Amino acid sequence: MFQKLFTTLYQALLGTAEPSSLIPVYQKSIFPGVGLGTLFGVALGAALLFYVIFNRVLTTSFYKTSHWFIMLLLTAVGSAILAYSQARSVVYASLDGETLGAVEKSAYDRYVLGFLVVNALYGALFFVLWSFVVKPLSVSARTTPVRWPN
């Protein structure tokens, strides 16, 4: 289920993987792993950190909309780092010591760069969605970033 979902989401914006010899690797390992890691690890973790840890347990003054945007940016950066590290490790593990040719390496680099950007966008989107789910748990930031559904 998640394999098809995340493969569809990523390929909707990226197209098929390049070089074409890596299509099964992306579809079976990279897209589902990075998608789940971004959805539950990075985005949910950042939302829980902002709403529960910073604004319930610690009761810091880190509750303004500008602070929320900082967490959104950090979530996007964390999502991009996750995508890069996962794609690099899985692709090089699947090559079994072989190297990519110059043309394949160039196509791989372009595709991974696009994958980083797309995953950063998905990470930011997931953080926004998790924010609406998690913000009722907060004491100080219940109206951050918007006063809805209060």
N, C-alpha and C. Protein backbone atom coordinates (compact mmCIF):
# COMPACT_ATOMS: atom_id res chain seq x y z
N MET A 1 0.82 -1.18 0.00
CA MET A 1 0.00 0.00 0.00
C MET A 1 0.87 1.26 0.00
N PHE A 2 1.79 1.36 0.98
CA PHE A 2 2.64 2.55 1.05
C PHE A 2 3.60 2.62 -0.12
N GLN A 3 4.04 1.44 -0.61
CA GLN A 3 4.95 1.43 -1.74
C GLN A 3 4.30 2.09 -2.95
N LYS A 4 3.08 1.71 -3.24
CA LYS A 4 2.37 2.28 -4.39
C LYS A 4 2.04 3.75 -4.16
N LEU A 5 1.63 4.09 -2.94
CA LEU A 5 1.27 5.47 -2.63
C LEU A 5 2.45 6.41 -2.83
N PHE A 6 3.58 6.10 -2.20
CA PHE A 6 4.72 6.99 -2.29
C PHE A 6 5.37 6.97 -3.67
N THR A 7 5.35 5.82 -4.35
CA THR A 7 5.86 5.78 -5.72
C THR A 7 5.03 6.69 -6.61
N THR A 8 3.72 6.65 -6.45
CA THR A 8 2.84 7.52 -7.24
C THR A 8 3.07 8.99 -6.91
N LEU A 9 3.20 9.31 -5.62
CA LEU A 9 3.42 10.71 -5.23
C LEU A 9 4.73 11.26 -5.80
N TYR A 10 5.80 10.50 -5.66
CA TYR A 10 7.09 10.99 -6.14
C TYR A 10 7.16 11.02 -7.66
N GLN A 11 6.65 10.00 -8.32
CA GLN A 11 6.72 9.98 -9.77
C GLN A 11 5.78 10.99 -10.42
N ALA A 12 4.77 11.45 -9.70
CA ALA A 12 3.89 12.48 -10.23
C ALA A 12 4.66 13.77 -10.48
N LEU A 13 5.61 14.08 -9.62
CA LEU A 13 6.40 15.31 -9.78
C LEU A 13 7.76 15.08 -10.43
N LEU A 14 8.32 13.88 -10.27
CA LEU A 14 9.67 13.62 -10.77
C LEU A 14 9.73 12.91 -12.11
N GLY A 15 8.70 12.16 -12.44
CA GLY A 15 8.79 11.30 -13.61
C GLY A 15 9.46 9.99 -13.21
N THR A 16 9.84 9.18 -14.18
CA THR A 16 10.48 7.91 -13.87
C THR A 16 11.94 8.13 -13.52
N ALA A 17 12.48 7.20 -12.77
CA ALA A 17 13.85 7.33 -12.27
C ALA A 17 14.87 7.26 -13.40
N GLU A 18 15.95 8.00 -13.21
CA GLU A 18 17.05 7.97 -14.16
C GLU A 18 18.31 7.65 -13.42
N PRO A 19 19.19 6.87 -13.93
CA PRO A 19 19.09 6.06 -15.14
C PRO A 19 18.03 4.97 -14.98
N SER A 20 17.53 4.49 -16.08
CA SER A 20 16.39 3.57 -16.06
C SER A 20 16.71 2.25 -15.36
N SER A 21 17.99 1.90 -15.25
CA SER A 21 18.35 0.66 -14.55
C SER A 21 18.03 0.75 -13.05
N LEU A 22 17.83 1.95 -12.53
CA LEU A 22 17.55 2.13 -11.10
C LEU A 22 16.06 2.25 -10.78
N ILE A 23 15.19 2.13 -11.77
CA ILE A 23 13.74 2.26 -11.53
C ILE A 23 13.25 1.29 -10.46
N PRO A 24 13.59 -0.02 -10.52
CA PRO A 24 13.10 -0.92 -9.46
C PRO A 24 13.64 -0.57 -8.07
N VAL A 25 14.86 -0.06 -8.01
CA VAL A 25 15.44 0.31 -6.72
C VAL A 25 14.66 1.46 -6.10
N TYR A 26 14.34 2.46 -6.90
CA TYR A 26 13.56 3.59 -6.39
C TYR A 26 12.16 3.15 -5.99
N GLN A 27 11.50 2.35 -6.83
CA GLN A 27 10.12 1.97 -6.56
C GLN A 27 9.98 1.04 -5.37
N LYS A 28 10.93 0.15 -5.14
CA LYS A 28 10.79 -0.84 -4.08
C LYS A 28 11.45 -0.43 -2.78
N SER A 29 12.49 0.39 -2.83
CA SER A 29 13.23 0.70 -1.61
C SER A 29 13.22 2.17 -1.24
N ILE A 30 13.57 3.01 -2.18
CA ILE A 30 13.81 4.42 -1.85
C ILE A 30 12.51 5.18 -1.61
N PHE A 31 11.58 5.14 -2.55
CA PHE A 31 10.35 5.91 -2.40
C PHE A 31 9.55 5.54 -1.14
N PRO A 32 9.29 4.24 -0.89
CA PRO A 32 8.53 3.93 0.33
C PRO A 32 9.29 4.25 1.61
N GLY A 33 10.58 3.97 1.64
CA GLY A 33 11.35 4.24 2.84
C GLY A 33 11.46 5.72 3.16
N VAL A 34 11.76 6.51 2.15
CA VAL A 34 11.87 7.95 2.35
C VAL A 34 10.51 8.56 2.63
N GLY A 35 9.48 8.09 1.95
CA GLY A 35 8.13 8.62 2.19
C GLY A 35 7.66 8.38 3.61
N LEU A 36 7.82 7.16 4.09
CA LEU A 36 7.42 6.85 5.48
C LEU A 36 8.29 7.59 6.48
N GLY A 37 9.59 7.67 6.20
CA GLY A 37 10.49 8.39 7.09
C GLY A 37 10.16 9.87 7.16
N THR A 38 9.78 10.43 6.04
CA THR A 38 9.41 11.85 6.00
C THR A 38 8.07 12.07 6.70
N LEU A 39 7.10 11.22 6.42
CA LEU A 39 5.76 11.39 6.98
C LEU A 39 5.75 11.21 8.50
N PHE A 40 6.33 10.11 8.97
CA PHE A 40 6.25 9.80 10.40
C PHE A 40 7.49 10.22 11.18
N GLY A 41 8.65 10.14 10.59
CA GLY A 41 9.87 10.48 11.31
C GLY A 41 10.13 11.97 11.38
N VAL A 42 10.24 12.59 10.23
CA VAL A 42 10.64 14.00 10.19
C VAL A 42 9.45 14.92 10.48
N ALA A 43 8.38 14.81 9.72
CA ALA A 43 7.26 15.75 9.84
C ALA A 43 6.51 15.59 11.16
N LEU A 44 6.15 14.37 11.51
CA LEU A 44 5.45 14.15 12.78
C LEU A 44 6.37 14.47 13.96
N GLY A 45 7.64 14.10 13.84
CA GLY A 45 8.59 14.41 14.89
C GLY A 45 8.74 15.91 15.10
N ALA A 46 8.81 16.67 14.02
CA ALA A 46 8.92 18.13 14.13
C ALA A 46 7.65 18.74 14.71
N ALA A 47 6.49 18.24 14.31
CA ALA A 47 5.24 18.76 14.86
C ALA A 47 5.12 18.45 16.34
N LEU A 48 5.48 17.25 16.74
CA LEU A 48 5.45 16.90 18.16
C LEU A 48 6.47 17.71 18.94
N LEU A 49 7.63 17.93 18.37
CA LEU A 49 8.66 18.74 19.03
C LEU A 49 8.15 20.16 19.25
N PHE A 50 7.55 20.75 18.22
CA PHE A 50 7.08 22.13 18.32
C PHE A 50 5.90 22.25 19.28
N TYR A 51 4.87 21.44 19.08
CA TYR A 51 3.63 21.61 19.85
C TYR A 51 3.67 20.98 21.23
N VAL A 52 4.25 19.79 21.36
CA VAL A 52 4.20 19.09 22.64
C VAL A 52 5.42 19.39 23.50
N ILE A 53 6.60 19.23 22.94
CA ILE A 53 7.80 19.41 23.75
C ILE A 53 8.04 20.89 24.07
N PHE A 54 8.12 21.73 23.02
CA PHE A 54 8.42 23.14 23.25
C PHE A 54 7.27 23.91 23.90
N ASN A 55 6.03 23.56 23.57
CA ASN A 55 4.91 24.38 24.01
C ASN A 55 3.93 23.67 24.94
N ARG A 56 4.35 22.61 25.54
CA ARG A 56 3.56 21.98 26.60
C ARG A 56 4.46 21.54 27.74
N VAL A 57 5.45 20.75 27.41
CA VAL A 57 6.34 20.23 28.46
C VAL A 57 7.28 21.32 28.96
N LEU A 58 7.95 22.01 28.05
CA LEU A 58 8.92 23.01 28.45
C LEU A 58 8.33 24.41 28.62
N THR A 59 7.19 24.66 28.03
CA THR A 59 6.52 25.97 28.01
C THR A 59 7.50 27.11 27.70
N THR A 60 8.15 27.00 26.56
CA THR A 60 9.07 28.04 26.09
C THR A 60 8.28 29.16 25.43
N SER A 61 8.98 30.19 25.03
CA SER A 61 8.33 31.28 24.29
C SER A 61 8.47 31.05 22.79
N PHE A 62 8.58 29.81 22.39
CA PHE A 62 8.76 29.42 21.00
C PHE A 62 7.41 29.03 20.41
N TYR A 63 6.45 29.98 20.39
CA TYR A 63 5.08 29.65 19.97
C TYR A 63 4.53 30.56 18.89
N LYS A 64 5.29 31.52 18.43
CA LYS A 64 4.79 32.47 17.43
C LYS A 64 4.81 31.86 16.04
N THR A 65 4.10 32.50 15.13
CA THR A 65 4.04 32.02 13.76
C THR A 65 5.42 32.02 13.11
N SER A 66 6.25 33.00 13.44
CA SER A 66 7.61 33.01 12.89
C SER A 66 8.40 31.79 13.36
N HIS A 67 8.18 31.35 14.58
CA HIS A 67 8.84 30.14 15.09
C HIS A 67 8.32 28.90 14.36
N TRP A 68 7.04 28.90 14.06
CA TRP A 68 6.45 27.80 13.32
C TRP A 68 7.07 27.71 11.93
N PHE A 69 7.30 28.85 11.29
CA PHE A 69 7.94 28.84 9.98
C PHE A 69 9.37 28.35 10.05
N ILE A 70 10.06 28.64 11.14
CA ILE A 70 11.41 28.10 11.33
C ILE A 70 11.35 26.57 11.40
N MET A 71 10.38 26.03 12.13
CA MET A 71 10.23 24.57 12.20
C MET A 71 9.84 23.99 10.85
N LEU A 72 9.04 24.72 10.09
CA LEU A 72 8.68 24.28 8.75
C LEU A 72 9.93 24.19 7.88
N LEU A 73 10.78 25.19 7.95
CA LEU A 73 12.02 25.20 7.18
C LEU A 73 12.95 24.07 7.64
N LEU A 74 13.07 23.87 8.93
CA LEU A 74 13.90 22.78 9.44
C LEU A 74 13.36 21.41 9.03
N THR A 75 12.05 21.29 8.96
CA THR A 75 11.44 20.04 8.50
C THR A 75 11.78 19.80 7.03
N ALA A 76 11.71 20.84 6.22
CA ALA A 76 12.06 20.71 4.80
C ALA A 76 13.52 20.31 4.63
N VAL A 77 14.41 20.94 5.39
CA VAL A 77 15.83 20.60 5.32
C VAL A 77 16.08 19.17 5.79
N GLY A 78 15.45 18.78 6.89
CA GLY A 78 15.59 17.41 7.38
C GLY A 78 15.06 16.38 6.38
N SER A 79 13.98 16.72 5.70
CA SER A 79 13.43 15.82 4.69
C SER A 79 14.37 15.67 3.51
N ALA A 80 15.00 16.77 3.11
CA ALA A 80 15.96 16.72 2.00
C ALA A 80 17.18 15.88 2.38
N ILE A 81 17.67 16.05 3.60
CA ILE A 81 18.82 15.26 4.07
C ILE A 81 18.48 13.78 4.11
N LEU A 82 17.29 13.46 4.60
CA LEU A 82 16.84 12.06 4.62
C LEU A 82 16.79 11.49 3.21
N ALA A 83 16.23 12.23 2.27
CA ALA A 83 16.12 11.75 0.90
C ALA A 83 17.50 11.51 0.29
N TYR A 84 18.42 12.43 0.51
CA TYR A 84 19.76 12.27 -0.06
C TYR A 84 20.48 11.07 0.54
N SER A 85 20.47 10.96 1.84
CA SER A 85 21.21 9.87 2.48
C SER A 85 20.62 8.51 2.12
N GLN A 86 19.31 8.41 2.10
CA GLN A 86 18.65 7.14 1.77
C GLN A 86 18.89 6.78 0.31
N ALA A 87 18.72 7.73 -0.60
CA ALA A 87 18.91 7.45 -2.02
C ALA A 87 20.36 7.04 -2.29
N ARG A 88 21.28 7.76 -1.72
CA ARG A 88 22.70 7.46 -1.94
C ARG A 88 23.07 6.08 -1.41
N SER A 89 22.66 5.78 -0.19
CA SER A 89 23.06 4.49 0.39
C SER A 89 22.40 3.31 -0.33
N VAL A 90 21.14 3.43 -0.68
CA VAL A 90 20.44 2.32 -1.34
C VAL A 90 20.95 2.12 -2.76
N VAL A 91 21.18 3.20 -3.48
CA VAL A 91 21.66 3.07 -4.86
C VAL A 91 23.05 2.45 -4.89
N TYR A 92 23.94 2.94 -4.05
CA TYR A 92 25.29 2.39 -4.06
C TYR A 92 25.33 0.96 -3.52
N ALA A 93 24.44 0.61 -2.63
CA ALA A 93 24.36 -0.77 -2.18
C ALA A 93 23.83 -1.68 -3.29
N SER A 94 22.93 -1.17 -4.11
CA SER A 94 22.37 -1.98 -5.20
C SER A 94 23.35 -2.15 -6.35
N LEU A 95 24.33 -1.28 -6.46
CA LEU A 95 25.32 -1.39 -7.54
C LEU A 95 26.37 -2.46 -7.27
N ASP A 96 26.51 -2.90 -6.03
CA ASP A 96 27.45 -3.96 -5.65
C ASP A 96 28.87 -3.69 -6.14
N GLY A 97 29.37 -2.51 -5.86
CA GLY A 97 30.74 -2.19 -6.22
C GLY A 97 30.93 -1.67 -7.63
N GLU A 98 29.93 -1.79 -8.46
CA GLU A 98 30.03 -1.24 -9.81
C GLU A 98 29.90 0.28 -9.73
N THR A 99 30.32 0.95 -10.78
CA THR A 99 30.19 2.40 -10.84
C THR A 99 29.29 2.78 -12.00
N LEU A 100 28.71 3.94 -11.89
CA LEU A 100 27.88 4.47 -12.97
C LEU A 100 28.78 5.13 -13.99
N GLY A 101 28.40 5.04 -15.26
CA GLY A 101 29.12 5.74 -16.30
C GLY A 101 28.91 7.24 -16.17
N ALA A 102 29.61 8.02 -16.98
CA ALA A 102 29.53 9.48 -16.88
C ALA A 102 28.12 9.98 -17.17
N VAL A 103 27.49 9.44 -18.20
CA VAL A 103 26.14 9.87 -18.57
C VAL A 103 25.14 9.43 -17.50
N GLU A 104 25.28 8.18 -17.03
CA GLU A 104 24.39 7.68 -15.99
C GLU A 104 24.58 8.45 -14.68
N LYS A 105 25.82 8.80 -14.36
CA LYS A 105 26.10 9.56 -13.13
C LYS A 105 25.46 10.94 -13.20
N SER A 106 25.53 11.57 -14.36
CA SER A 106 24.90 12.89 -14.54
C SER A 106 23.38 12.80 -14.40
N ALA A 107 22.79 11.77 -15.02
CA ALA A 107 21.33 11.58 -14.92
C ALA A 107 20.94 11.27 -13.48
N TYR A 108 21.74 10.46 -12.80
CA TYR A 108 21.48 10.12 -11.40
C TYR A 108 21.55 11.37 -10.53
N ASP A 109 22.57 12.20 -10.73
CA ASP A 109 22.72 13.42 -9.93
C ASP A 109 21.54 14.37 -10.12
N ARG A 110 21.10 14.54 -11.37
CA ARG A 110 19.94 15.40 -11.64
C ARG A 110 18.68 14.87 -10.98
N TYR A 111 18.49 13.56 -11.07
CA TYR A 111 17.29 12.95 -10.50
C TYR A 111 17.30 13.06 -8.98
N VAL A 112 18.45 12.83 -8.36
CA VAL A 112 18.53 12.92 -6.90
C VAL A 112 18.32 14.36 -6.45
N LEU A 113 18.82 15.32 -7.18
CA LEU A 113 18.59 16.72 -6.83
C LEU A 113 17.09 17.05 -6.89
N GLY A 114 16.42 16.60 -7.92
CA GLY A 114 14.97 16.78 -8.00
C GLY A 114 14.25 16.06 -6.88
N PHE A 115 14.74 14.87 -6.53
CA PHE A 115 14.15 14.09 -5.45
C PHE A 115 14.29 14.83 -4.12
N LEU A 116 15.43 15.48 -3.90
CA LEU A 116 15.63 16.26 -2.67
C LEU A 116 14.61 17.38 -2.58
N VAL A 117 14.43 18.10 -3.67
CA VAL A 117 13.50 19.23 -3.68
C VAL A 117 12.07 18.75 -3.45
N VAL A 118 11.68 17.70 -4.15
CA VAL A 118 10.32 17.17 -4.01
C VAL A 118 10.09 16.66 -2.60
N ASN A 119 11.06 15.97 -2.03
CA ASN A 119 10.88 15.46 -0.67
C ASN A 119 10.84 16.60 0.35
N ALA A 120 11.59 17.66 0.11
CA ALA A 120 11.51 18.82 1.00
C ALA A 120 10.11 19.43 0.94
N LEU A 121 9.53 19.51 -0.24
CA LEU A 121 8.16 20.02 -0.38
C LEU A 121 7.15 19.10 0.31
N TYR A 122 7.30 17.79 0.12
CA TYR A 122 6.41 16.85 0.80
C TYR A 122 6.58 16.92 2.32
N GLY A 123 7.81 17.07 2.77
CA GLY A 123 8.06 17.19 4.21
C GLY A 123 7.37 18.41 4.80
N ALA A 124 7.45 19.54 4.09
CA ALA A 124 6.78 20.76 4.55
C ALA A 124 5.26 20.56 4.54
N LEU A 125 4.74 19.93 3.50
CA LEU A 125 3.30 19.68 3.43
C LEU A 125 2.85 18.76 4.56
N PHE A 126 3.60 17.69 4.81
CA PHE A 126 3.25 16.78 5.89
C PHE A 126 3.33 17.47 7.25
N PHE A 127 4.30 18.38 7.43
CA PHE A 127 4.39 19.12 8.69
C PHE A 127 3.15 20.00 8.89
N VAL A 128 2.70 20.64 7.84
CA VAL A 128 1.48 21.46 7.93
C VAL A 128 0.29 20.59 8.32
N LEU A 129 0.15 19.45 7.68
CA LEU A 129 -0.97 18.56 8.00
C LEU A 129 -0.88 18.03 9.43
N TRP A 130 0.30 17.61 9.86
CA TRP A 130 0.48 17.14 11.23
C TRP A 130 0.26 18.26 12.24
N SER A 131 0.55 19.50 11.84
CA SER A 131 0.34 20.63 12.76
C SER A 131 -1.12 20.75 13.17
N PHE A 132 -2.02 20.55 12.23
CA PHE A 132 -3.44 20.65 12.55
C PHE A 132 -3.91 19.48 13.41
N VAL A 133 -3.24 18.35 13.31
CA VAL A 133 -3.60 17.19 14.12
C VAL A 133 -3.06 17.32 15.54
N VAL A 134 -1.83 17.82 15.67
CA VAL A 134 -1.12 17.80 16.95
C VAL A 134 -1.34 19.07 17.78
N LYS A 135 -1.70 20.17 17.15
CA LYS A 135 -1.75 21.44 17.91
C LYS A 135 -2.76 21.48 19.06
N PRO A 136 -3.83 20.69 19.10
CA PRO A 136 -4.66 20.70 20.31
C PRO A 136 -3.94 20.19 21.56
N LEU A 137 -2.82 19.49 21.39
CA LEU A 137 -2.05 19.01 22.54
C LEU A 137 -1.19 20.10 23.16
N SER A 138 -1.09 21.23 22.51
CA SER A 138 -0.23 22.30 22.98
C SER A 138 -0.96 23.21 23.95
N VAL A 139 -0.21 23.82 24.85
CA VAL A 139 -0.76 24.80 25.78
C VAL A 139 -0.56 26.20 25.21
N SER A 140 0.64 26.50 24.74
CA SER A 140 0.99 27.85 24.30
C SER A 140 0.74 28.13 22.84
N ALA A 141 0.72 27.11 22.00
CA ALA A 141 0.68 27.33 20.55
C ALA A 141 -0.58 26.78 19.90
N ARG A 142 -1.69 26.84 20.57
CA ARG A 142 -2.93 26.30 20.00
C ARG A 142 -3.42 27.08 18.79
N THR A 143 -3.04 28.32 18.67
CA THR A 143 -3.49 29.14 17.53
C THR A 143 -2.38 29.35 16.51
N THR A 144 -1.27 28.64 16.62
CA THR A 144 -0.17 28.75 15.67
C THR A 144 -0.28 27.62 14.67
N PRO A 145 -0.20 27.82 13.40
CA PRO A 145 -0.01 29.05 12.65
C PRO A 145 -1.29 29.83 12.40
N VAL A 146 -2.45 29.17 12.50
CA VAL A 146 -3.72 29.87 12.30
C VAL A 146 -4.68 29.49 13.42
N ARG A 147 -5.70 30.26 13.59
CA ARG A 147 -6.69 30.02 14.63
C ARG A 147 -7.81 29.13 14.09
N TRP A 148 -7.45 27.96 13.64
CA TRP A 148 -8.43 27.00 13.13
C TRP A 148 -8.03 25.64 13.63
N PRO A 149 -8.85 24.81 14.05
CA PRO A 149 -10.31 24.77 14.10
C PRO A 149 -10.89 25.24 15.42
N ASN A 150 -10.26 26.16 16.10
CA ASN A 150 -10.76 26.64 17.39
C ASN A 150 -12.04 27.43 17.27
